[in-house]
Amino acid sequence: MDRAVAARELQTRLGHASHQAVMTMLYRESIISNVRQRDLSFARDALGPDLVTLNANQPRKKVRLERIGVEQIEMTEVNQVAHSCCA
């Protein structure tokens, strides 16, 4: 289980790289690590996908917008008087 945790930490250090991307890096030996491909596969099987991948693949909530109408307010008698004396 320690190797699975180490593999998950490696994946996190690589900027939450995808499972396939880390497997390719390990296969091509483009990163130097004591983690092997089987450790990464074991981590995915034992611990499940990482939280960043889960959150990225979940749909976002759709926001429903409502149109709000503004009622036209009648001018009060005070406003009418103010407008008629100034005009």
Protein backbone atom coordinates (compact mmCIF):
# COMPACT_ATOMS: atom_id res chain seq x y z
CA MET A 1 0.00 0.00 0.00
CA ASP A 2 2.96 2.32 0.61
CA ARG A 3 3.95 2.01 -3.05
CA ALA A 4 0.42 2.96 -4.13
CA VAL A 5 0.54 6.08 -1.95
CA ALA A 6 3.98 6.94 -3.35
CA ALA A 7 2.61 6.55 -6.88
CA ARG A 8 -0.30 8.87 -6.09
CA GLU A 9 2.08 11.44 -4.61
CA LEU A 10 4.17 11.27 -7.79
CA GLN A 11 1.08 11.86 -9.88
CA THR A 12 0.22 14.88 -7.73
CA ARG A 13 3.75 16.29 -8.00
CA LEU A 14 3.52 16.05 -11.77
CA GLY A 15 0.62 18.49 -11.71
CA HIS A 16 -2.14 15.87 -11.47
CA ALA A 17 -1.07 14.28 -14.74
CA SER A 18 -3.40 11.65 -16.13
CA HIS A 19 -2.83 7.98 -15.43
CA GLN A 20 -1.83 7.33 -19.04
CA ALA A 21 0.57 10.28 -19.12
CA VAL A 22 2.41 9.11 -16.00
CA MET A 23 2.51 5.55 -17.34
CA THR A 24 4.10 6.85 -20.55
CA MET A 25 6.66 8.91 -18.62
CA LEU A 26 7.61 5.88 -16.56
CA TYR A 27 7.82 3.65 -19.65
CA ARG A 28 10.05 6.10 -21.52
CA GLU A 29 12.07 6.76 -18.35
CA SER A 30 11.60 10.50 -18.81
CA ILE A 31 11.24 10.85 -15.04
CA ILE A 32 13.54 9.33 -12.46
CA SER A 33 11.57 7.70 -9.69
CA ASN A 34 11.42 4.53 -7.68
CA VAL A 35 7.74 4.20 -8.61
CA ARG A 36 7.00 1.60 -11.27
CA GLN A 37 4.10 1.25 -13.68
CA ARG A 38 2.57 -1.56 -11.65
CA ASP A 39 2.59 0.73 -8.57
CA LEU A 40 0.64 3.35 -10.49
CA SER A 41 -1.89 0.74 -11.66
CA PHE A 42 -2.20 -0.57 -8.12
CA ALA A 43 -2.83 2.95 -6.84
CA ARG A 44 -5.64 3.45 -9.34
CA ASP A 45 -7.19 0.09 -8.46
CA ALA A 46 -6.80 0.40 -4.68
CA LEU A 47 -7.34 4.13 -4.15
CA GLY A 48 -9.54 4.91 -7.15
CA PRO A 49 -9.04 7.86 -9.46
CA ASP A 50 -7.61 11.02 -7.92
CA LEU A 51 -9.97 13.78 -6.84
CA VAL A 52 -8.83 16.23 -9.50
CA THR A 53 -9.78 13.77 -12.25
CA LEU A 54 -13.13 13.06 -10.64
CA ASN A 55 -13.97 16.75 -10.32
CA ALA A 56 -12.86 17.46 -13.88
CA ASN A 57 -15.14 14.77 -15.31
CA GLN A 58 -18.27 15.78 -13.42
CA PRO A 59 -20.78 17.93 -15.25
CA ARG A 60 -21.29 21.42 -13.96
CA LYS A 61 -24.64 22.51 -12.69
CA LYS A 62 -26.66 24.29 -15.31
CA VAL A 63 -27.84 27.67 -14.14
CA ARG A 64 -31.32 28.64 -15.13
CA LEU A 65 -31.82 32.32 -15.75
CA GLU A 66 -35.16 33.99 -15.36
CA ARG A 67 -36.19 37.19 -17.02
CA ILE A 68 -37.33 39.70 -14.45
CA GLY A 69 -39.74 42.37 -15.57
CA VAL A 70 -39.68 45.82 -14.04
CA GLU A 71 -43.06 47.37 -13.51
CA GLN A 72 -43.38 50.95 -14.60
CA ILE A 73 -44.19 53.05 -11.57
CA GLU A 74 -46.67 55.84 -12.15
CA MET A 75 -45.42 59.25 -11.34
CA THR A 76 -46.83 60.54 -8.08
CA GLU A 77 -48.65 63.82 -7.86
CA VAL A 78 -45.58 65.42 -6.29
CA ASN A 79 -43.39 64.44 -9.24
CA GLN A 80 -46.04 65.62 -11.70
CA VAL A 81 -46.25 69.00 -9.96
CA ALA A 82 -42.48 69.32 -9.88
CA HIS A 83 -42.20 68.59 -13.59
CA SER A 84 -45.04 70.94 -14.56
CA CYS A 85 -43.74 73.96 -12.64
CA CYS A 86 -40.21 73.63 -14.03
CA ALA A 87 -41.26 73.21 -17.62
